[in-house]
């Protein structure tokens, strides 16, 4: 029995960056031997075991054979005869197909270290094209390591293009796709994820609503970058630079989908794109079964982001409707995330990345003013039921009128 660290643990150590996850492969062992040593089996698809003391995962060396469509369409074979090199060749990228023993002796049969030094993401073997999920994985690694100068090898991009055109991407489950998408959006350069998907034709298969934004112009006065797709990428880039959570990044990605529906004769204006885009945002949400908080924020930002930009001009009654829509009294964090998405949208414009966004503090102040209305005095006056609701609304409107007047002094 020989045990090796493999994959990301080896890759990141060689890159000199923190190692977060450690995967281990066991060569020359049987399931019975692992059980005899106290390892606990997990998973039904292939033999993976948990260490009896540390709880870390150890997988038996295995080979795999394509047996059906999609991510799960593989038959695995694990036995003591499977070599380390045979296990490594089934992996996606050369930089993930290296192994080392406890003394950091490197096994690198597919030249992963060379590609690390050259900053290249390259597939290990033609079997790469058997797993459609790898298109998303390579795009995600591109987003993770873009800051280090990594690019996708042309021949790997060609394979990704073939997968995109084959119909295999449609076999991916929503759960697996979302796992890769959500992880990619939380990388340091999430816009690169979208760029790589677009470069290989996967974006128009997985997210045609976003792909449709490229080439759609916007008024240069407000959008010096002009192209709506380029703007979306810039907004996503700003969200990462400002360490926004996944909910905000997802909303930033989807906020302008309605502009893809504008007839060409109306370009570069996009009248009512906020409302037109809601059905598209809902479709993307459902396609990937995004978590509820991501779905809700994306829809609200899509509908109300122009309200955020025009916050200083809004009438108190419109401002109250906005606050009510977000339920700022019970869910203040969601409104904070809306403000953050609006600010990222404002900064995601060529040459305006450092612009101030006074609307943010103004909206926070408005929410505070509305929340400051006390209910108890109204109850003491005898209001109840629907009448109480109307009385609270009147008092909140009065508070917002006072707030707006004070803010304009």
Protein backbone atom coordinates (compact mmCIF):
# COMPACT_ATOMS: atom_id res chain seq x y z
CA UNK A 1 0.00 0.00 0.00
CA UNK A 2 1.37 3.38 -1.07
CA UNK A 3 -0.31 6.69 -0.28
CA UNK A 4 0.09 9.91 -2.26
CA UNK A 5 -1.22 13.45 -2.11
CA UNK A 6 -2.75 14.32 -5.46
CA UNK A 7 -4.43 17.13 -7.34
CA UNK A 8 -4.91 20.55 -5.81
CA UNK A 9 -2.71 19.96 -2.77
CA UNK A 10 0.30 19.31 -4.99
CA UNK A 11 -0.59 22.05 -7.48
CA UNK A 12 -1.03 24.79 -4.91
CA UNK A 13 2.09 23.83 -2.94
CA UNK A 14 4.16 24.14 -6.11
CA UNK A 15 2.51 27.50 -6.83
CA UNK A 16 3.40 28.67 -3.34
CA UNK A 17 -0.16 29.41 -2.33
CA UNK A 18 -2.07 28.07 0.72
CA UNK A 19 -3.26 24.47 0.46
CA UNK A 20 -6.86 24.18 1.62
CA UNK A 21 -7.99 20.71 0.52
CA UNK A 22 -5.87 17.58 0.57
CA UNK A 23 -6.88 14.61 -1.58
CA UNK A 24 -5.08 11.30 -1.20
CA UNK A 25 -4.96 8.28 -3.47
CA UNK A 26 -4.05 4.78 -2.26
CA UNK A 27 -2.18 2.50 -4.67
CA UNK A 28 -1.89 -1.28 -4.21
CA UNK A 29 -4.69 -1.74 -1.69
CA UNK A 30 -8.04 -3.50 -1.60
CA UNK A 31 -11.27 -2.45 0.03
CA UNK A 32 -10.80 -5.24 2.57
CA UNK A 33 -7.35 -3.95 3.55
CA UNK A 34 -8.72 -0.43 4.05
CA UNK A 35 -11.51 -1.72 6.25
CA UNK A 36 -9.06 -3.84 8.25
CA UNK A 37 -7.04 -0.70 9.00
CA UNK A 38 -10.13 1.04 10.39
CA UNK A 39 -10.99 3.23 7.40
CA UNK A 40 -14.70 3.95 6.98
CA UNK A 41 -16.23 3.69 3.49
CA UNK A 42 -18.23 6.58 2.03
CA UNK A 43 -19.95 7.10 -1.31
CA UNK A 44 -21.58 4.58 -3.57
CA UNK A 45 -19.94 5.35 -6.92
CA UNK A 46 -16.30 4.50 -6.18
CA UNK A 47 -14.26 3.37 -3.16
CA UNK A 48 -13.51 6.35 -0.95
CA UNK A 49 -12.67 5.97 2.72
CA UNK A 50 -12.38 8.23 5.74
CA UNK A 51 -9.27 7.99 7.92
CA UNK A 52 -10.18 6.50 11.32
CA UNK A 53 -8.56 9.37 13.24
CA UNK A 54 -8.38 12.45 11.01
CA UNK A 55 -11.55 11.91 8.97
CA UNK A 56 -9.68 12.86 5.79
CA UNK A 57 -10.59 11.20 2.49
CA UNK A 58 -8.52 8.44 0.90
CA UNK A 59 -9.55 7.06 -2.50
CA UNK A 60 -8.35 3.81 -4.03
CA UNK A 61 -6.49 4.26 -7.32
CA UNK A 62 -8.97 3.71 -10.12
CA UNK A 63 -9.57 3.87 -13.84
CA UNK A 64 -12.76 5.00 -15.50
CA UNK A 65 -14.60 4.25 -18.73
CA UNK A 66 -17.30 6.28 -20.44
CA UNK A 67 -20.59 4.40 -20.23
CA UNK A 68 -23.29 7.04 -20.72
CA UNK A 69 -24.06 10.72 -21.11
CA UNK A 70 -23.18 13.49 -18.72
CA UNK A 71 -21.15 13.82 -15.57
CA UNK A 72 -22.34 10.55 -14.08
CA UNK A 73 -21.94 8.44 -17.22
CA UNK A 74 -18.79 6.58 -16.12
CA UNK A 75 -17.89 3.09 -14.93
CA UNK A 76 -15.08 3.00 -12.37
CA UNK A 77 -12.64 0.19 -11.76
CA UNK A 78 -10.49 0.06 -8.62
CA UNK A 79 -8.01 -2.70 -7.83
CA UNK A 80 -4.49 -3.11 -6.38
CA UNK A 81 -3.21 -3.47 -9.97
CA UNK A 82 -4.19 0.09 -10.97
CA UNK A 83 -1.01 2.19 -11.11
CA UNK A 84 -0.58 5.77 -9.97
CA UNK A 85 -0.04 6.85 -13.59
CA UNK A 86 -3.30 5.17 -14.64
CA UNK A 87 -5.13 6.99 -11.87
CA UNK A 88 -3.62 10.35 -12.79
CA UNK A 89 -4.37 10.11 -16.52
CA UNK A 90 -8.11 10.17 -15.90
CA UNK A 91 -7.86 13.65 -14.33
CA UNK A 92 -8.84 16.83 -16.15
CA UNK A 93 -5.77 19.10 -16.32
CA UNK A 94 -2.06 18.37 -16.24
CA UNK A 95 -1.63 20.71 -13.28
CA UNK A 96 -4.11 18.52 -11.39
CA UNK A 97 -2.47 15.24 -12.48
CA UNK A 98 0.57 15.31 -10.20
CA UNK A 99 1.21 13.32 -7.04
CA UNK A 100 3.72 13.38 -4.21
CA UNK A 101 4.59 11.09 -1.33
CA UNK A 102 5.12 12.11 2.28
CA UNK A 103 8.67 13.25 1.43
CA UNK A 104 7.40 15.55 -1.38
CA UNK A 105 8.90 13.31 -4.07
CA UNK A 106 6.97 14.36 -7.18
CA UNK A 107 5.32 12.01 -9.68
CA UNK A 108 4.52 14.05 -12.79
CA UNK A 109 3.96 11.77 -15.82
CA UNK A 110 1.96 14.34 -17.81
CA UNK A 111 4.21 17.39 -17.34
CA UNK A 112 1.96 19.31 -14.97
CA UNK A 113 4.90 21.13 -13.37
CA UNK A 114 6.02 22.37 -16.79
CA UNK A 115 2.51 23.73 -17.46
CA UNK A 116 2.44 25.33 -14.01
CA UNK A 117 5.60 27.23 -14.86
CA UNK A 118 4.25 28.18 -18.30
CA UNK A 119 0.91 29.22 -16.73
CA UNK A 120 -1.07 26.91 -19.03
CA UNK A 121 -4.31 25.05 -18.34
CA UNK A 122 -3.98 21.95 -20.53
CA UNK A 123 -6.00 18.73 -20.65
CA UNK A 124 -4.26 15.49 -19.72
CA UNK A 125 -5.68 13.24 -22.44
CA UNK A 126 -8.42 13.12 -25.11
CA UNK A 127 -10.64 11.51 -22.45
CA UNK A 128 -11.13 15.10 -21.20
CA UNK A 129 -13.93 15.40 -23.77
CA UNK A 130 -15.88 12.56 -22.16
CA UNK A 131 -16.94 14.70 -19.17
CA UNK A 132 -18.95 17.87 -19.96
CA UNK A 133 -18.50 19.18 -16.43
CA UNK A 134 -14.85 19.81 -17.27
CA UNK A 135 -15.85 22.75 -19.46
CA UNK A 136 -17.13 24.50 -16.34
CA UNK A 137 -14.17 23.35 -14.26
CA UNK A 138 -11.58 24.73 -16.68
CA UNK A 139 -13.46 28.02 -16.84
CA UNK A 140 -13.50 28.09 -13.03
CA UNK A 141 -9.77 27.40 -12.79
CA UNK A 142 -9.25 30.20 -15.32
CA UNK A 143 -11.08 32.57 -12.99
CA UNK A 144 -9.10 31.35 -9.98
CA UNK A 145 -5.64 31.63 -11.52
CA UNK A 146 -6.15 34.54 -13.92
CA UNK A 147 -4.26 36.82 -11.53
CA UNK A 148 -1.24 34.52 -11.89
CA UNK A 149 -1.37 34.78 -15.67
CA UNK A 150 -2.88 31.39 -16.50
CA UNK A 151 -4.57 30.89 -19.88
CA UNK A 152 -6.29 27.90 -21.51
CA UNK A 153 -4.22 25.95 -24.03
CA UNK A 154 -5.65 26.36 -27.57
CA UNK A 155 -6.05 22.60 -28.02
CA UNK A 156 -7.95 22.38 -24.71
CA UNK A 157 -10.21 25.25 -25.74
CA UNK A 158 -10.89 23.32 -28.96
CA UNK A 159 -11.99 20.28 -26.97
CA UNK A 160 -14.20 22.49 -24.83
CA UNK A 161 -15.71 23.90 -28.02
CA UNK A 162 -16.41 20.39 -29.30
CA UNK A 163 -18.14 19.52 -26.03
CA UNK A 164 -20.23 22.70 -26.23
CA UNK A 165 -21.37 21.80 -29.75
CA UNK A 166 -22.01 18.11 -28.98
CA UNK A 167 -25.08 18.58 -26.80
CA UNK A 168 -23.28 16.96 -23.83
CA UNK A 169 -23.56 20.12 -21.73
CA UNK A 170 -27.32 19.68 -21.72
CA UNK A 171 -26.86 16.42 -19.82
CA UNK A 172 -25.37 18.26 -16.82
CA UNK A 173 -27.59 18.33 -13.75
CA UNK A 174 -28.62 21.66 -12.25
CA UNK A 175 -26.94 20.74 -8.96
CA UNK A 176 -23.53 19.99 -10.51
CA UNK A 177 -23.68 23.05 -12.74
CA UNK A 178 -24.61 25.33 -9.86
CA UNK A 179 -21.79 23.96 -7.71
CA UNK A 180 -19.25 24.97 -10.37
CA UNK A 181 -20.95 28.29 -11.19
CA UNK A 182 -21.24 29.36 -7.56
CA UNK A 183 -17.61 28.45 -6.84
CA UNK A 184 -16.47 30.28 -9.98
CA UNK A 185 -18.39 33.42 -9.04
CA UNK A 186 -16.56 33.49 -5.71
CA UNK A 187 -13.12 33.39 -7.35
CA UNK A 188 -10.93 36.50 -7.57
CA UNK A 189 -11.68 37.05 -11.27
CA UNK A 190 -15.22 35.68 -11.83
CA UNK A 191 -15.63 37.61 -15.07
CA UNK A 192 -12.93 35.38 -16.59
CA UNK A 193 -15.22 32.39 -15.98
CA UNK A 194 -17.85 33.98 -18.23
CA UNK A 195 -15.23 35.01 -20.80
CA UNK A 196 -13.89 31.45 -21.12
CA UNK A 197 -17.38 29.95 -21.36
CA UNK A 198 -18.13 32.41 -24.14
CA UNK A 199 -14.84 31.71 -25.92
CA UNK A 200 -15.65 27.99 -26.22
CA UNK A 201 -19.34 28.42 -27.05
CA UNK A 202 -20.58 27.07 -23.72
CA UNK A 203 -22.17 30.34 -22.59
CA UNK A 204 -24.78 30.34 -25.37
CA UNK A 205 -25.69 26.76 -24.37
CA UNK A 206 -25.76 27.18 -20.60
CA UNK A 207 -26.77 30.85 -20.26
CA UNK A 208 -28.01 32.14 -23.63
CA UNK A 209 -29.59 35.10 -21.84
CA UNK A 210 -26.14 36.38 -20.85
CA UNK A 211 -24.53 35.49 -24.18
CA UNK A 212 -27.20 37.62 -25.90
CA UNK A 213 -25.94 40.77 -24.12
CA UNK A 214 -22.68 40.88 -26.06
CA UNK A 215 -22.94 43.25 -29.01
CA UNK A 216 -25.94 45.07 -27.56
CA UNK A 217 -25.12 48.81 -27.22
CA UNK A 218 -26.12 51.14 -24.39
CA UNK A 219 -26.13 54.97 -24.31
CA UNK A 220 -22.50 56.10 -24.16
CA UNK A 221 -23.43 58.94 -21.78
CA UNK A 222 -24.14 56.47 -18.99
CA UNK A 223 -22.08 53.56 -20.31
CA UNK A 224 -18.71 54.57 -21.79
CA UNK A 225 -18.01 50.87 -22.39
CA UNK A 226 -21.17 50.80 -24.60
CA UNK A 227 -21.43 46.99 -24.91
CA UNK A 228 -23.91 45.47 -22.42
CA UNK A 229 -21.98 42.20 -22.16
CA UNK A 230 -18.74 44.05 -21.40
CA UNK A 231 -20.61 46.08 -18.78
CA UNK A 232 -21.94 42.90 -17.11
CA UNK A 233 -18.41 41.51 -16.88
CA UNK A 234 -17.16 44.78 -15.37
CA UNK A 235 -19.94 44.77 -12.76
CA UNK A 236 -19.00 41.22 -11.81
CA UNK A 237 -15.34 42.22 -11.61
CA UNK A 238 -16.20 45.09 -9.26
CA UNK A 239 -18.27 42.75 -7.08
CA UNK A 240 -15.22 40.54 -6.64
CA UNK A 241 -12.91 43.48 -5.94
CA UNK A 242 -15.26 44.62 -3.19
CA UNK A 243 -15.57 41.10 -1.71
CA UNK A 244 -19.31 40.88 -2.23
CA UNK A 245 -21.14 37.67 -1.22
CA UNK A 246 -22.49 35.13 -3.69
CA UNK A 247 -26.00 36.62 -3.61
CA UNK A 248 -24.71 39.99 -4.80
CA UNK A 249 -22.44 38.48 -7.46
CA UNK A 250 -25.29 36.39 -8.86
CA UNK A 251 -27.54 39.45 -8.97
CA UNK A 252 -24.79 41.47 -10.69
CA UNK A 253 -24.47 38.79 -13.37
CA UNK A 254 -28.20 38.78 -14.15
CA UNK A 255 -29.26 42.38 -13.53
CA UNK A 256 -29.38 43.58 -17.16
CA UNK A 257 -30.79 40.52 -18.93
CA UNK A 258 -33.76 42.53 -20.18
CA UNK A 259 -31.49 44.54 -22.48
CA UNK A 260 -30.99 41.42 -24.57
CA UNK A 261 -34.68 41.61 -25.51
CA UNK A 262 -34.62 45.21 -26.83
CA UNK A 263 -35.40 45.39 -30.59
CA UNK A 264 -32.42 46.70 -32.59
CA UNK A 265 -34.41 49.66 -33.87
CA UNK A 266 -34.67 50.92 -30.27
CA UNK A 267 -30.92 50.67 -29.53
CA UNK A 268 -29.11 52.07 -27.61
CA UNK A 269 -32.09 52.84 -25.35
CA UNK A 270 -33.61 50.02 -23.31
CA UNK A 271 -37.00 51.18 -22.13
CA UNK A 272 -38.51 49.03 -19.33
CA UNK A 273 -35.65 46.55 -19.53
CA UNK A 274 -35.98 46.07 -15.77
CA UNK A 275 -39.42 44.47 -16.10
CA UNK A 276 -38.72 42.68 -19.38
CA UNK A 277 -35.74 40.98 -17.81
CA UNK A 278 -37.63 39.42 -14.90
CA UNK A 279 -38.84 36.40 -16.88
CA UNK A 280 -35.27 35.76 -18.06
CA UNK A 281 -33.84 36.07 -14.55
CA UNK A 282 -36.49 33.67 -13.30
CA UNK A 283 -35.63 31.19 -16.08
CA UNK A 284 -31.91 31.23 -15.25
CA UNK A 285 -32.67 30.91 -11.53
CA UNK A 286 -34.80 27.84 -12.15
CA UNK A 287 -32.43 26.27 -14.70
CA UNK A 288 -29.64 26.05 -12.13
CA UNK A 289 -31.85 25.72 -9.05
CA UNK A 290 -30.04 28.63 -7.43
CA UNK A 291 -30.57 28.99 -3.65
CA UNK A 292 -33.62 31.00 -2.69
CA UNK A 293 -31.66 33.99 -1.36
CA UNK A 294 -29.78 34.23 -4.67
CA UNK A 295 -33.00 33.93 -6.66
CA UNK A 296 -34.83 36.57 -4.65
CA UNK A 297 -32.05 39.14 -4.73
CA UNK A 298 -31.44 38.67 -8.47
CA UNK A 299 -35.12 39.36 -9.21
CA UNK A 300 -35.27 42.39 -6.92
CA UNK A 301 -32.06 43.89 -8.27
CA UNK A 302 -33.23 43.27 -11.83
CA UNK A 303 -36.49 45.10 -11.17
CA UNK A 304 -35.30 47.94 -8.99
CA UNK A 305 -31.63 48.74 -9.77
CA UNK A 306 -32.53 51.90 -11.69
CA UNK A 307 -34.53 52.99 -8.63
CA UNK A 308 -31.31 52.61 -6.68
CA UNK A 309 -29.42 54.84 -9.11
CA UNK A 310 -32.22 57.45 -9.00
CA UNK A 311 -32.64 57.24 -5.24
CA UNK A 312 -31.92 60.95 -4.64
CA UNK A 313 -34.68 61.89 -7.09
CA UNK A 314 -37.37 59.47 -5.92
CA UNK A 315 -40.56 60.82 -4.40
CA UNK A 316 -41.11 59.77 -0.77
CA UNK A 317 -44.05 57.60 -1.87
CA UNK A 318 -41.89 55.77 -4.44
CA UNK A 319 -39.13 55.40 -1.88
CA UNK A 320 -41.61 53.86 0.55
CA UNK A 321 -42.78 51.39 -2.10
CA UNK A 322 -39.16 50.41 -2.71
CA UNK A 323 -38.55 49.78 0.98
CA UNK A 324 -41.78 47.80 1.25
CA UNK A 325 -40.76 45.64 -1.72
CA UNK A 326 -37.59 44.62 0.12
CA UNK A 327 -39.33 44.17 3.50
CA UNK A 328 -36.57 46.24 5.09
CA UNK A 329 -38.27 45.97 8.48
CA UNK A 330 -37.78 42.22 8.79
CA UNK A 331 -34.98 41.61 6.24
CA UNK A 332 -32.53 44.52 6.47
CA UNK A 333 -29.61 42.46 5.12
CA UNK A 334 -31.34 41.89 1.79
CA UNK A 335 -31.69 45.65 1.29
CA UNK A 336 -27.99 46.09 2.11
CA UNK A 337 -27.16 43.55 -0.58
CA UNK A 338 -29.39 45.40 -3.04
CA UNK A 339 -27.52 48.63 -2.32
CA UNK A 340 -24.21 46.81 -2.83
CA UNK A 341 -25.36 45.41 -6.20
CA UNK A 342 -26.48 48.88 -7.32
CA UNK A 343 -23.10 50.33 -6.36
CA UNK A 344 -21.27 47.60 -8.27
CA UNK A 345 -23.48 48.36 -11.27
CA UNK A 346 -22.55 52.04 -11.06
CA UNK A 347 -18.84 51.26 -10.76
CA UNK A 348 -18.86 48.65 -13.53
CA UNK A 349 -18.49 51.28 -16.23
CA UNK A 350 -15.34 52.13 -18.15
CA UNK A 351 -13.43 54.92 -16.41
CA UNK A 352 -15.98 55.21 -13.59
CA UNK A 353 -14.73 52.40 -11.35
CA UNK A 354 -13.72 54.83 -8.58
CA UNK A 355 -16.86 56.97 -8.70
CA UNK A 356 -18.61 57.82 -5.46
CA UNK A 357 -22.09 56.45 -4.89
CA UNK A 358 -23.99 58.78 -2.52
CA UNK A 359 -27.18 56.84 -3.23
CA UNK A 360 -25.93 54.11 -0.91
CA UNK A 361 -25.93 56.19 2.27
CA UNK A 362 -29.12 57.95 1.20
CA UNK A 363 -30.95 54.63 0.85
CA UNK A 364 -29.60 53.40 4.17
CA UNK A 365 -30.80 56.61 5.82
CA UNK A 366 -34.24 56.21 4.26
CA UNK A 367 -34.52 52.66 5.57
CA UNK A 368 -33.53 53.85 9.03
CA UNK A 369 -36.12 56.63 8.91
CA UNK A 370 -38.88 54.22 7.90
CA UNK A 371 -37.87 51.69 10.54
CA UNK A 372 -37.87 54.37 13.23
CA UNK A 373 -41.65 54.64 13.14
CA UNK A 374 -42.95 53.16 16.41
CA UNK A 375 -46.03 50.95 16.31
CA UNK A 376 -46.94 51.13 20.01
CA UNK A 377 -48.25 54.74 19.96
CA UNK A 378 -50.57 53.81 17.09
CA UNK A 379 -51.86 50.81 19.00
CA UNK A 380 -52.52 53.06 21.97
CA UNK A 381 -54.58 55.31 19.72
CA UNK A 382 -56.84 52.36 18.95
CA UNK A 383 -55.64 51.43 15.49
CA UNK A 384 -55.87 47.73 14.64
CA UNK A 385 -56.17 45.41 11.67
CA UNK A 386 -56.05 47.04 8.22
CA UNK A 387 -56.43 50.48 9.78
CA UNK A 388 -53.23 49.92 11.75
CA UNK A 389 -51.40 48.97 8.55
CA UNK A 390 -52.55 52.15 6.84
CA UNK A 391 -51.61 54.26 9.88
CA UNK A 392 -48.09 52.75 9.93
CA UNK A 393 -47.76 53.45 6.21
CA UNK A 394 -48.82 57.11 6.69
CA UNK A 395 -46.31 57.58 9.50
CA UNK A 396 -43.52 56.02 7.49
CA UNK A 397 -44.35 58.26 4.53
CA UNK A 398 -44.27 61.26 6.84
CA UNK A 399 -40.89 60.15 8.18
CA UNK A 400 -39.52 59.76 4.64
CA UNK A 401 -40.78 63.22 3.63
CA UNK A 402 -38.97 64.68 6.62
CA UNK A 403 -35.85 62.68 5.80
CA UNK A 404 -35.83 63.81 2.17
CA UNK A 405 -36.32 67.44 3.18
CA UNK A 406 -33.50 67.26 5.72
CA UNK A 407 -31.19 65.53 3.22
CA UNK A 408 -31.72 68.29 0.65
CA UNK A 409 -30.67 71.09 2.99
